[in-house]
Amino acid sequence: MERLTRKGRIVFGLAIAALGVVNFCCAHFRLAMSGVPWAPVNSFLCYLTGAALVAAGLCIAANFKSRLVATLLGYLFLAFVLLRALPQVVAYPADWSVYGILCEALSLGAAAWILAQTQPGDASAFETALGKVTAAGPYFFAAALIVFGSIHFLVARFIASLIPAWIPGSLFWTYFTGTALIASGVSIAIRQLYRQAGFLLGIMFLLWFVLLHIPRVAANIHNPDEWSSAFIALAMVGASWIVASSDWHGRIVR
């Protein structure tokens, strides 16, 4: 388990970089309202966001200044939550999809902060000041999982319709997934069996990526929404394994 979860940083970083590439494509083809759910409407800001995600993802994957980069990446996702996702929740409180978008941005930002806590070395005064809030990462990640899991119960039949027809028992798997997300969130929040929960959660997201998202991308190759959904799922694989490979105080488990 540990050998696999230690790859979480690389998987997470490459998926974030891929999301940045999708952002570039959305800006180039004037699709700022599609693709990456948190992309700014303004084309220039969309390009800038894409550049930031690519640079941050590659630095994290290569383990170059990853402590500082992961901290800043968490702040970037927090900005997405406050400036893009949260206003949509306020404007459309009955639309379950906006809660999903908020949870995706919150969980990826939280994972970046958890990663920042795992990185060794003496931090500068600037990094230390920025890093104080990263201690909230596990709680934000847990909260996002619990809300996302709850959505699976509120709109179970719609989510079941997204499961490939060749997989039997789609409604059962929808409820199972919702339960797994909520249980994982609670486990992380109360610090009990969270490494095991993170490992299994990563396996579940990996199965989603392979069984659900790759076929949808192949069937809709020009749809940026499908590409971004796939890379978000892959980023959640890495995020879950980052949780699994860390102890509560932010040190890598050896």
Foldseek 3Di string as FASTA:
>chain_A
DLVVLVCLQQLLLVLLLLLLVLLLVCLVVVNQVFFLPLQDNDSVSSNVSSVLSNVLSVCSNVVNVLLQSLLVLLVVLVCSLVPPLVVVCVVCVPDLVSLLSNLLSQQLSLLSLLQSLADDDDDDPVSVVSNPVNLCSLLSNLVSLLSVLVVLVVPVVVQLVQADPVDPPSSVVSNVSSVLSNVQSVCSVVVHCNLVSLQVQLVVLVCCLVRGLVVVCVVVVPGSNSVNVSSSSSSSSSSSSSRNQAHSSSHGDD
